Amino acid sequence: MRSFRTMLPFLLTVVLICPAFAKRDPLKDVEIDQLREAAQEPNNRLKLIVKFARARLESLEQVRNDAKMSATDRTDQIHDLLEDFTTIYDELSDNMDMFSDQKADFRKAMHVIIEGDAEFQNRLRAFRDAVDADPAKYQTKQFRFILENALDAVSAGATDHRKVLEEQNQLASEKKNEEKQKKK
């Protein structure tokens, strides 16, 4: 009994600290199910990821414009949504790399992705400008880093995605030439 009493503070500390280290999943269960269903369909899967990233930015704008929300709640939600967006956006690149390694053709999704890149850059910049214009309403120190990180990720991603589109077009051209050679 005595050893339990001495261990109790330690156990309580562990129980209280563990949730702090648990990482939230940026995707909802429904979104995870949709991605599983599209696991073998590169075009559909990549389009879904763009859709999910877009949804986080739409939620971000709703939170920014919610007059009923306290500054602390707004700041926390903005931080979480920016973090979720960035995680999802990074997942897009990871999936593109995986499908590229498999020599999959996902050119149809590439147009959606590149359009998404431009949209995401514009929305994030507009968001940054809006919060900079009203610093009293936002505790920007709490999410400034993650906002800049999201902007950097999209900027780098946009460049990489254009290169991937070129690679996809080159791969399709090579396959087409191989088919012509086989027919001869």
N, C-alpha and C. Protein backbone atom coordinates (compact mmCIF):
# COMPACT_ATOMS: atom_id res chain seq x y z
N MET A 1 0.82 -1.19 0.00
CA MET A 1 0.00 0.00 0.00
C MET A 1 0.87 1.25 0.00
N ARG A 2 1.94 1.19 0.76
CA ARG A 2 2.80 2.36 0.85
C ARG A 2 3.47 2.67 -0.49
N SER A 3 3.89 1.66 -1.23
CA SER A 3 4.53 1.88 -2.53
C SER A 3 3.54 2.49 -3.54
N PHE A 4 2.28 2.11 -3.42
CA PHE A 4 1.27 2.70 -4.29
C PHE A 4 1.15 4.20 -4.04
N ARG A 5 1.18 4.59 -2.78
CA ARG A 5 1.08 6.02 -2.42
C ARG A 5 2.29 6.80 -2.93
N THR A 6 3.42 6.19 -2.92
CA THR A 6 4.61 6.89 -3.42
C THR A 6 4.61 6.95 -4.94
N MET A 7 3.98 5.98 -5.57
CA MET A 7 3.91 5.96 -7.03
C MET A 7 2.76 6.79 -7.58
N LEU A 8 1.78 7.09 -6.76
CA LEU A 8 0.59 7.81 -7.22
C LEU A 8 0.92 9.15 -7.88
N PRO A 9 1.76 10.01 -7.28
CA PRO A 9 2.07 11.27 -7.96
C PRO A 9 2.73 11.05 -9.32
N PHE A 10 3.61 10.07 -9.41
CA PHE A 10 4.25 9.76 -10.68
C PHE A 10 3.23 9.31 -11.72
N LEU A 11 2.35 8.41 -11.34
CA LEU A 11 1.33 7.91 -12.26
C LEU A 11 0.39 9.02 -12.71
N LEU A 12 0.00 9.88 -11.81
CA LEU A 12 -0.86 11.01 -12.17
C LEU A 12 -0.16 11.94 -13.16
N THR A 13 1.12 12.19 -12.94
CA THR A 13 1.89 13.03 -13.85
C THR A 13 1.94 12.42 -15.24
N VAL A 14 2.19 11.13 -15.31
CA VAL A 14 2.24 10.44 -16.61
C VAL A 14 0.89 10.52 -17.31
N VAL A 15 -0.17 10.28 -16.57
CA VAL A 15 -1.52 10.31 -17.15
C VAL A 15 -1.85 11.71 -17.67
N LEU A 16 -1.42 12.73 -16.96
CA LEU A 16 -1.72 14.09 -17.37
C LEU A 16 -0.83 14.57 -18.51
N ILE A 17 0.39 14.07 -18.59
CA ILE A 17 1.32 14.52 -19.63
C ILE A 17 1.07 13.80 -20.95
N CYS A 18 0.69 12.55 -20.94
CA CYS A 18 0.53 11.76 -22.16
C CYS A 18 -0.37 12.41 -23.20
N PRO A 19 -1.53 12.94 -22.82
CA PRO A 19 -2.36 13.58 -23.85
C PRO A 19 -1.67 14.77 -24.52
N ALA A 20 -0.76 15.42 -23.82
CA ALA A 20 -0.05 16.55 -24.41
C ALA A 20 0.85 16.10 -25.56
N PHE A 21 1.32 14.86 -25.50
CA PHE A 21 2.19 14.34 -26.54
C PHE A 21 1.42 13.63 -27.66
N ALA A 22 0.17 13.39 -27.43
CA ALA A 22 -0.64 12.73 -28.45
C ALA A 22 -0.89 13.71 -29.58
N LYS A 23 -0.68 13.26 -30.78
CA LYS A 23 -0.85 14.14 -31.94
C LYS A 23 -2.26 13.99 -32.49
N ARG A 24 -2.89 15.13 -32.72
CA ARG A 24 -4.23 15.13 -33.29
C ARG A 24 -4.14 14.74 -34.76
N ASP A 25 -5.15 14.06 -35.22
CA ASP A 25 -5.23 13.75 -36.63
C ASP A 25 -5.94 14.90 -37.32
N PRO A 26 -5.32 15.47 -38.34
CA PRO A 26 -5.94 16.62 -39.01
C PRO A 26 -7.16 16.24 -39.87
N LEU A 27 -7.31 14.94 -40.11
CA LEU A 27 -8.42 14.48 -40.94
C LEU A 27 -9.56 13.95 -40.07
N LYS A 28 -10.77 14.15 -40.55
CA LYS A 28 -11.95 13.61 -39.89
C LYS A 28 -12.10 12.15 -40.31
N ASP A 29 -12.86 11.38 -39.55
CA ASP A 29 -13.04 9.97 -39.86
C ASP A 29 -13.62 9.76 -41.26
N VAL A 30 -14.55 10.60 -41.65
CA VAL A 30 -15.16 10.50 -42.98
C VAL A 30 -14.10 10.72 -44.06
N GLU A 31 -13.21 11.68 -43.83
CA GLU A 31 -12.16 11.97 -44.81
C GLU A 31 -11.17 10.81 -44.90
N ILE A 32 -10.85 10.23 -43.77
CA ILE A 32 -9.95 9.08 -43.75
C ILE A 32 -10.56 7.93 -44.55
N ASP A 33 -11.85 7.69 -44.36
CA ASP A 33 -12.53 6.64 -45.11
C ASP A 33 -12.50 6.92 -46.61
N GLN A 34 -12.71 8.17 -46.99
CA GLN A 34 -12.67 8.53 -48.41
C GLN A 34 -11.29 8.28 -49.00
N LEU A 35 -10.25 8.62 -48.24
CA LEU A 35 -8.89 8.39 -48.72
C LEU A 35 -8.59 6.90 -48.85
N ARG A 36 -9.08 6.12 -47.91
CA ARG A 36 -8.88 4.67 -48.00
C ARG A 36 -9.53 4.10 -49.25
N GLU A 37 -10.74 4.57 -49.54
CA GLU A 37 -11.45 4.08 -50.72
C GLU A 37 -10.73 4.46 -52.01
N ALA A 38 -10.01 5.58 -51.99
CA ALA A 38 -9.31 6.05 -53.19
C ALA A 38 -7.82 5.70 -53.16
N ALA A 39 -7.45 4.76 -52.33
CA ALA A 39 -6.03 4.44 -52.14
C ALA A 39 -5.33 4.04 -53.44
N GLN A 40 -6.03 3.34 -54.31
CA GLN A 40 -5.43 2.85 -55.55
C GLN A 40 -5.76 3.72 -56.76
N GLU A 41 -6.37 4.86 -56.52
CA GLU A 41 -6.75 5.77 -57.60
C GLU A 41 -6.06 7.11 -57.40
N PRO A 42 -4.86 7.27 -57.97
CA PRO A 42 -4.07 8.48 -57.71
C PRO A 42 -4.81 9.79 -57.97
N ASN A 43 -5.51 9.87 -59.09
CA ASN A 43 -6.20 11.13 -59.42
C ASN A 43 -7.26 11.47 -58.37
N ASN A 44 -8.06 10.50 -58.00
CA ASN A 44 -9.11 10.74 -57.01
C ASN A 44 -8.52 11.05 -55.64
N ARG A 45 -7.52 10.31 -55.25
CA ARG A 45 -6.92 10.51 -53.93
C ARG A 45 -6.30 11.91 -53.81
N LEU A 46 -5.56 12.32 -54.81
CA LEU A 46 -4.91 13.63 -54.77
C LEU A 46 -5.94 14.76 -54.79
N LYS A 47 -7.00 14.58 -55.56
CA LYS A 47 -8.07 15.59 -55.58
C LYS A 47 -8.74 15.70 -54.22
N LEU A 48 -8.92 14.56 -53.56
CA LEU A 48 -9.51 14.57 -52.22
C LEU A 48 -8.63 15.35 -51.23
N ILE A 49 -7.34 15.14 -51.31
CA ILE A 49 -6.43 15.83 -50.39
C ILE A 49 -6.51 17.33 -50.61
N VAL A 50 -6.57 17.76 -51.86
CA VAL A 50 -6.73 19.19 -52.15
C VAL A 50 -8.05 19.69 -51.57
N LYS A 51 -9.08 18.91 -51.72
CA LYS A 51 -10.40 19.27 -51.18
C LYS A 51 -10.34 19.45 -49.66
N PHE A 52 -9.64 18.55 -48.99
CA PHE A 52 -9.55 18.62 -47.53
C PHE A 52 -8.73 19.83 -47.08
N ALA A 53 -7.66 20.13 -47.81
CA ALA A 53 -6.86 21.32 -47.49
C ALA A 53 -7.71 22.58 -47.68
N ARG A 54 -8.47 22.61 -48.76
CA ARG A 54 -9.36 23.76 -49.03
C ARG A 54 -10.39 23.92 -47.91
N ALA A 55 -10.91 22.82 -47.42
CA ALA A 55 -11.91 22.87 -46.34
C ALA A 55 -11.31 23.50 -45.08
N ARG A 56 -10.02 23.23 -44.81
CA ARG A 56 -9.39 23.82 -43.62
C ARG A 56 -9.25 25.34 -43.79
N LEU A 57 -8.96 25.78 -45.00
CA LEU A 57 -8.85 27.22 -45.22
C LEU A 57 -10.22 27.90 -45.14
N GLU A 58 -11.25 27.21 -45.61
CA GLU A 58 -12.61 27.75 -45.48
C GLU A 58 -12.99 27.87 -44.01
N SER A 59 -12.65 26.86 -43.22
CA SER A 59 -12.93 26.90 -41.78
C SER A 59 -12.13 28.02 -41.11
N LEU A 60 -10.92 28.21 -41.58
CA LEU A 60 -10.07 29.27 -41.06
C LEU A 60 -10.72 30.64 -41.25
N GLU A 61 -11.27 30.86 -42.43
CA GLU A 61 -11.93 32.13 -42.72
C GLU A 61 -13.20 32.29 -41.87
N GLN A 62 -13.91 31.20 -41.65
CA GLN A 62 -15.10 31.27 -40.79
C GLN A 62 -14.73 31.63 -39.36
N VAL A 63 -13.68 31.03 -38.86
CA VAL A 63 -13.23 31.34 -37.50
C VAL A 63 -12.78 32.80 -37.41
N ARG A 64 -12.06 33.25 -38.42
CA ARG A 64 -11.59 34.64 -38.42
C ARG A 64 -12.75 35.62 -38.37
N ASN A 65 -13.85 35.28 -39.02
CA ASN A 65 -14.99 36.19 -39.11
C ASN A 65 -16.04 35.97 -38.03
N ASP A 66 -15.84 35.01 -37.14
CA ASP A 66 -16.82 34.71 -36.10
C ASP A 66 -16.73 35.76 -34.98
N ALA A 67 -17.68 36.67 -34.94
CA ALA A 67 -17.67 37.76 -33.96
C ALA A 67 -18.00 37.27 -32.56
N LYS A 68 -18.66 36.14 -32.43
CA LYS A 68 -19.07 35.63 -31.12
C LYS A 68 -17.94 34.92 -30.38
N MET A 69 -16.89 34.59 -31.06
CA MET A 69 -15.82 33.79 -30.48
C MET A 69 -14.86 34.68 -29.68
N SER A 70 -14.38 34.17 -28.57
CA SER A 70 -13.40 34.92 -27.76
C SER A 70 -12.06 34.92 -28.49
N ALA A 71 -11.23 35.89 -28.16
CA ALA A 71 -9.93 36.02 -28.81
C ALA A 71 -9.07 34.77 -28.56
N THR A 72 -9.13 34.23 -27.37
CA THR A 72 -8.34 33.05 -27.04
C THR A 72 -8.81 31.84 -27.84
N ASP A 73 -10.12 31.62 -27.88
CA ASP A 73 -10.66 30.51 -28.66
C ASP A 73 -10.34 30.67 -30.13
N ARG A 74 -10.48 31.89 -30.63
CA ARG A 74 -10.19 32.17 -32.04
C ARG A 74 -8.73 31.85 -32.34
N THR A 75 -7.85 32.31 -31.48
CA THR A 75 -6.42 32.08 -31.69
C THR A 75 -6.10 30.59 -31.67
N ASP A 76 -6.65 29.87 -30.72
CA ASP A 76 -6.41 28.42 -30.63
C ASP A 76 -6.92 27.70 -31.88
N GLN A 77 -8.11 28.05 -32.32
CA GLN A 77 -8.68 27.39 -33.50
C GLN A 77 -7.90 27.76 -34.76
N ILE A 78 -7.49 29.02 -34.86
CA ILE A 78 -6.69 29.42 -36.03
C ILE A 78 -5.39 28.63 -36.06
N HIS A 79 -4.74 28.52 -34.92
CA HIS A 79 -3.49 27.75 -34.85
C HIS A 79 -3.73 26.31 -35.30
N ASP A 80 -4.75 25.67 -34.75
CA ASP A 80 -5.03 24.27 -35.08
C ASP A 80 -5.38 24.09 -36.56
N LEU A 81 -6.18 25.00 -37.10
CA LEU A 81 -6.56 24.89 -38.51
C LEU A 81 -5.36 25.11 -39.43
N LEU A 82 -4.50 26.05 -39.10
CA LEU A 82 -3.29 26.26 -39.90
C LEU A 82 -2.37 25.04 -39.83
N GLU A 83 -2.27 24.48 -38.64
CA GLU A 83 -1.46 23.27 -38.47
C GLU A 83 -2.06 22.11 -39.28
N ASP A 84 -3.37 21.96 -39.21
CA ASP A 84 -4.05 20.90 -39.97
C ASP A 84 -3.86 21.11 -41.47
N PHE A 85 -4.02 22.34 -41.92
CA PHE A 85 -3.84 22.64 -43.34
C PHE A 85 -2.44 22.23 -43.78
N THR A 86 -1.44 22.64 -43.02
CA THR A 86 -0.05 22.36 -43.40
C THR A 86 0.22 20.86 -43.41
N THR A 87 -0.30 20.15 -42.45
CA THR A 87 -0.12 18.70 -42.40
C THR A 87 -0.76 18.03 -43.61
N ILE A 88 -1.97 18.44 -43.93
CA ILE A 88 -2.67 17.88 -45.09
C ILE A 88 -1.94 18.24 -46.38
N TYR A 89 -1.49 19.48 -46.47
CA TYR A 89 -0.78 19.91 -47.67
C TYR A 89 0.53 19.11 -47.83
N ASP A 90 1.22 18.87 -46.74
CA ASP A 90 2.44 18.05 -46.80
C ASP A 90 2.11 16.62 -47.22
N GLU A 91 0.97 16.13 -46.78
CA GLU A 91 0.53 14.79 -47.16
C GLU A 91 0.30 14.71 -48.68
N LEU A 92 -0.13 15.80 -49.27
CA LEU A 92 -0.32 15.86 -50.72
C LEU A 92 1.00 15.57 -51.42
N SER A 93 2.05 16.23 -51.00
CA SER A 93 3.36 16.00 -51.61
C SER A 93 3.85 14.58 -51.38
N ASP A 94 3.62 14.06 -50.18
CA ASP A 94 4.03 12.68 -49.89
C ASP A 94 3.32 11.69 -50.81
N ASN A 95 2.03 11.91 -51.02
CA ASN A 95 1.27 11.03 -51.92
C ASN A 95 1.74 11.17 -53.35
N MET A 96 2.04 12.39 -53.77
CA MET A 96 2.54 12.59 -55.13
C MET A 96 3.86 11.85 -55.32
N ASP A 97 4.74 11.92 -54.33
CA ASP A 97 6.02 11.20 -54.41
C ASP A 97 5.79 9.70 -54.52
N MET A 98 4.85 9.18 -53.71
CA MET A 98 4.56 7.76 -53.73
C MET A 98 4.05 7.34 -55.12
N PHE A 99 3.11 8.11 -55.66
CA PHE A 99 2.56 7.75 -56.97
C PHE A 99 3.58 7.94 -58.08
N SER A 100 4.46 8.91 -57.95
CA SER A 100 5.54 9.10 -58.93
C SER A 100 6.47 7.89 -58.92
N ASP A 101 6.81 7.41 -57.72
CA ASP A 101 7.67 6.23 -57.62
C ASP A 101 7.03 5.01 -58.25
N GLN A 102 5.70 4.96 -58.23
CA GLN A 102 4.97 3.84 -58.83
C GLN A 102 4.76 4.05 -60.34
N LYS A 103 5.24 5.16 -60.85
CA LYS A 103 5.08 5.52 -62.28
C LYS A 103 3.60 5.63 -62.66
N ALA A 104 2.79 6.08 -61.71
CA ALA A 104 1.35 6.26 -61.96
C ALA A 104 1.11 7.54 -62.75
N ASP A 105 0.06 7.54 -63.52
CA ASP A 105 -0.33 8.73 -64.29
C ASP A 105 -1.40 9.48 -63.50
N PHE A 106 -1.06 10.63 -63.00
CA PHE A 106 -2.02 11.43 -62.25
C PHE A 106 -2.06 12.87 -62.78
N ARG A 107 -1.93 12.99 -64.11
CA ARG A 107 -1.96 14.32 -64.73
C ARG A 107 -3.29 15.03 -64.52
N LYS A 108 -4.39 14.30 -64.49
CA LYS A 108 -5.70 14.95 -64.28
C LYS A 108 -5.74 15.65 -62.93
N ALA A 109 -5.17 15.03 -61.93
CA ALA A 109 -5.15 15.65 -60.60
C ALA A 109 -4.18 16.82 -60.54
N MET A 110 -3.14 16.78 -61.35
CA MET A 110 -2.13 17.84 -61.30
C MET A 110 -2.71 19.21 -61.61
N HIS A 111 -3.67 19.26 -62.50
CA HIS A 111 -4.29 20.56 -62.82
C HIS A 111 -5.07 21.08 -61.60
N VAL A 112 -5.73 20.21 -60.91
CA VAL A 112 -6.46 20.59 -59.69
C VAL A 112 -5.47 21.04 -58.62
N ILE A 113 -4.36 20.33 -58.51
CA ILE A 113 -3.34 20.65 -57.51
C ILE A 113 -2.72 22.02 -57.79
N ILE A 114 -2.34 22.27 -59.02
CA ILE A 114 -1.70 23.54 -59.36
C ILE A 114 -2.67 24.70 -59.18
N GLU A 115 -3.92 24.51 -59.55
CA GLU A 115 -4.93 25.55 -59.28
C GLU A 115 -5.09 25.75 -57.78
N GLY A 116 -5.07 24.65 -57.04
CA GLY A 116 -5.16 24.72 -55.58
C GLY A 116 -4.00 25.48 -54.98
N ASP A 117 -2.79 25.26 -55.51
CA ASP A 117 -1.61 25.98 -55.02
C ASP A 117 -1.82 27.49 -55.10
N ALA A 118 -2.27 27.95 -56.26
CA ALA A 118 -2.49 29.39 -56.45
C ALA A 118 -3.58 29.90 -55.50
N GLU A 119 -4.65 29.14 -55.40
CA GLU A 119 -5.74 29.52 -54.50
C GLU A 119 -5.26 29.56 -53.05
N PHE A 120 -4.51 28.55 -52.63
CA PHE A 120 -4.04 28.48 -51.25
C PHE A 120 -3.11 29.64 -50.93
N GLN A 121 -2.21 29.95 -51.86
CA GLN A 121 -1.31 31.09 -51.64
C GLN A 121 -2.10 32.38 -51.47
N ASN A 122 -3.06 32.60 -52.35
CA ASN A 122 -3.87 33.82 -52.27
C ASN A 122 -4.67 33.89 -50.97
N ARG A 123 -5.27 32.78 -50.58
CA ARG A 123 -6.08 32.77 -49.35
C ARG A 123 -5.23 32.98 -48.10
N LEU A 124 -4.08 32.34 -48.06
CA LEU A 124 -3.21 32.50 -46.90
C LEU A 124 -2.65 33.92 -46.81
N ARG A 125 -2.28 34.48 -47.95
CA ARG A 125 -1.79 35.87 -47.94
C ARG A 125 -2.90 36.83 -47.53
N ALA A 126 -4.10 36.61 -48.03
CA ALA A 126 -5.24 37.45 -47.66
C ALA A 126 -5.53 37.32 -46.17
N PHE A 127 -5.42 36.12 -45.65
CA PHE A 127 -5.62 35.90 -44.22
C PHE A 127 -4.57 36.66 -43.42
N ARG A 128 -3.31 36.52 -43.83
CA ARG A 128 -2.22 37.22 -43.14
C ARG A 128 -2.44 38.73 -43.16
N ASP A 129 -2.83 39.26 -44.32
CA ASP A 129 -3.09 40.70 -44.43
C ASP A 129 -4.24 41.13 -43.53
N ALA A 130 -5.28 40.30 -43.44
CA ALA A 130 -6.45 40.64 -42.62
C ALA A 130 -6.10 40.66 -41.14
N VAL A 131 -5.33 39.68 -40.69
CA VAL A 131 -4.98 39.68 -39.27
C VAL A 131 -3.96 40.76 -38.95
N ASP A 132 -3.10 41.09 -39.90
CA ASP A 132 -2.15 42.18 -39.69
C ASP A 132 -2.87 43.53 -39.63
N ALA A 133 -3.97 43.65 -40.33
CA ALA A 133 -4.72 44.90 -40.36
C ALA A 133 -5.48 45.15 -39.06
N ASP A 134 -5.75 44.11 -38.29
CA ASP A 134 -6.50 44.24 -37.04
C ASP A 134 -5.80 43.48 -35.92
N PRO A 135 -4.61 43.95 -35.50
CA PRO A 135 -3.84 43.20 -34.50
C PRO A 135 -4.52 43.12 -33.13
N ALA A 136 -5.39 44.04 -32.82
CA ALA A 136 -6.08 44.00 -31.52
C ALA A 136 -7.03 42.80 -31.43
N LYS A 137 -7.55 42.36 -32.56
CA LYS A 137 -8.51 41.26 -32.59
C LYS A 137 -7.84 39.88 -32.52
N TYR A 138 -6.57 39.82 -32.88
CA TYR A 138 -5.88 38.53 -32.98
C TYR A 138 -4.62 38.53 -32.12
N GLN A 139 -4.34 37.40 -31.54
CA GLN A 139 -3.09 37.19 -30.81
C GLN A 139 -2.14 36.49 -31.77
N THR A 140 -1.62 37.26 -32.71
CA THR A 140 -0.88 36.67 -33.83
C THR A 140 0.41 35.97 -33.40
N LYS A 141 0.95 36.30 -32.25
CA LYS A 141 2.16 35.63 -31.81
C LYS A 141 1.92 34.13 -31.65
N GLN A 142 0.68 33.76 -31.35
CA GLN A 142 0.34 32.36 -31.12
C GLN A 142 0.32 31.54 -32.41
N PHE A 143 0.09 32.19 -33.54
CA PHE A 143 0.00 31.42 -34.79
C PHE A 143 0.83 32.00 -35.94
N ARG A 144 1.60 33.02 -35.70
CA ARG A 144 2.40 33.65 -36.77
C ARG A 144 3.36 32.65 -37.39
N PHE A 145 4.06 31.88 -36.57
CA PHE A 145 5.03 30.93 -37.10
C PHE A 145 4.36 29.89 -37.99
N ILE A 146 3.25 29.34 -37.52
CA ILE A 146 2.58 28.29 -38.30
C ILE A 146 1.98 28.87 -39.58
N LEU A 147 1.55 30.13 -39.55
CA LEU A 147 1.05 30.79 -40.76
C LEU A 147 2.17 30.96 -41.78
N GLU A 148 3.31 31.43 -41.32
CA GLU A 148 4.45 31.59 -42.24
C GLU A 148 4.92 30.23 -42.75
N ASN A 149 4.86 29.23 -41.90
CA ASN A 149 5.22 27.87 -42.30
C ASN A 149 4.28 27.37 -43.40
N ALA A 150 2.99 27.64 -43.24
CA ALA A 150 2.01 27.23 -44.26
C ALA A 150 2.27 27.94 -45.58
N LEU A 151 2.55 29.23 -45.51
CA LEU A 151 2.85 30.00 -46.73
C LEU A 151 4.11 29.45 -47.41
N ASP A 152 5.13 29.16 -46.63
CA ASP A 152 6.37 28.60 -47.19
C ASP A 152 6.12 27.24 -47.82
N ALA A 153 5.32 26.42 -47.14
CA ALA A 153 5.03 25.08 -47.67
C ALA A 153 4.32 25.16 -49.01
N VAL A 154 3.35 26.07 -49.11
CA VAL A 154 2.60 26.20 -50.37
C VAL A 154 3.49 26.77 -51.47
N SER A 155 4.32 27.73 -51.11
CA SER A 155 5.22 28.31 -52.11
C SER A 155 6.18 27.25 -52.66
N ALA A 156 6.81 26.49 -51.77
CA ALA A 156 7.72 25.43 -52.21
C ALA A 156 6.96 24.34 -52.94
N GLY A 157 5.77 24.00 -52.44
CA GLY A 157 4.96 22.97 -53.08
C GLY A 157 4.56 23.36 -54.49
N ALA A 158 4.20 24.62 -54.68
CA ALA A 158 3.78 25.07 -56.02
C ALA A 158 4.90 24.87 -57.03
N THR A 159 6.12 25.19 -56.63
CA THR A 159 7.27 24.99 -57.51
C THR A 159 7.47 23.51 -57.80
N ASP A 160 7.44 22.71 -56.75
CA ASP A 160 7.62 21.26 -56.92
C ASP A 160 6.52 20.65 -57.77
N HIS A 161 5.30 21.11 -57.58
CA HIS A 161 4.17 20.53 -58.31
C HIS A 161 4.25 20.82 -59.80
N ARG A 162 4.75 21.98 -60.16
CA ARG A 162 4.94 22.28 -61.60
C ARG A 162 5.98 21.34 -62.21
N LYS A 163 7.03 21.05 -61.43
CA LYS A 163 8.05 20.11 -61.91
C LYS A 163 7.46 18.71 -62.06
N VAL A 164 6.63 18.31 -61.12
CA VAL A 164 6.00 16.99 -61.19
C VAL A 164 5.09 16.91 -62.42
N LEU A 165 4.39 17.99 -62.72
CA LEU A 165 3.54 17.99 -63.92
C LEU A 165 4.40 17.79 -65.17
N GLU A 166 5.54 18.46 -65.24
CA GLU A 166 6.45 18.26 -66.37
C GLU A 166 6.90 16.80 -66.45
N GLU A 167 7.24 16.22 -65.30
CA GLU A 167 7.65 14.81 -65.26
C GLU A 167 6.51 13.90 -65.71
N GLN A 168 5.30 14.22 -65.27
CA GLN A 168 4.13 13.42 -65.65
C GLN A 168 3.91 13.50 -67.16
N ASN A 169 4.02 14.69 -67.72
CA ASN A 169 3.86 14.85 -69.17
C ASN A 169 4.95 14.10 -69.93
N GLN A 170 6.18 14.15 -69.42
CA GLN A 170 7.29 13.44 -70.05
C GLN A 170 7.06 11.93 -69.99
N LEU A 171 6.62 11.45 -68.84
CA LEU A 171 6.35 10.02 -68.67
C LEU A 171 5.24 9.57 -69.63
N ALA A 172 4.20 10.36 -69.76
CA ALA A 172 3.10 10.01 -70.67
C ALA A 172 3.58 9.99 -72.11
N SER A 173 4.43 10.93 -72.45
CA SER A 173 4.98 10.98 -73.81
C SER A 173 5.84 9.74 -74.09
N GLU A 174 6.64 9.36 -73.12
CA GLU A 174 7.48 8.17 -73.29
C GLU A 174 6.64 6.91 -73.44
N LYS A 175 5.58 6.80 -72.64
CA LYS A 175 4.69 5.64 -72.75
C LYS A 175 4.02 5.59 -74.12
N LYS A 176 3.61 6.75 -74.60
CA LYS A 176 2.96 6.82 -75.90
C LYS A 176 3.94 6.39 -77.00
N ASN A 177 5.18 6.85 -76.91
CA ASN A 177 6.19 6.46 -77.89
C ASN A 177 6.49 4.97 -77.83
N GLU A 178 6.51 4.41 -76.62
CA GLU A 178 6.73 2.97 -76.47
C GLU A 178 5.60 2.17 -77.11
N GLU A 179 4.38 2.63 -76.94
CA GLU A 179 3.23 1.95 -77.55
C GLU A 179 3.30 2.02 -79.07
N LYS A 180 3.73 3.14 -79.60
CA LYS A 180 3.87 3.27 -81.05
C LYS A 180 4.94 2.31 -81.57
N GLN A 181 6.03 2.17 -80.82
CA GLN A 181 7.11 1.26 -81.22
C GLN A 181 6.66 -0.19 -81.20
N LYS A 182 5.81 -0.53 -80.22
CA LYS A 182 5.31 -1.91 -80.11
C LYS A 182 4.37 -2.24 -81.27
N LYS A 183 3.63 -1.26 -81.75
CA LYS A 183 2.68 -1.47 -82.83
C LYS A 183 3.37 -1.66 -84.17
N LYS A 184 4.56 -1.16 -84.29
CA LYS A 184 5.28 -1.25 -85.57
C LYS A 184 5.82 -2.60 -85.80
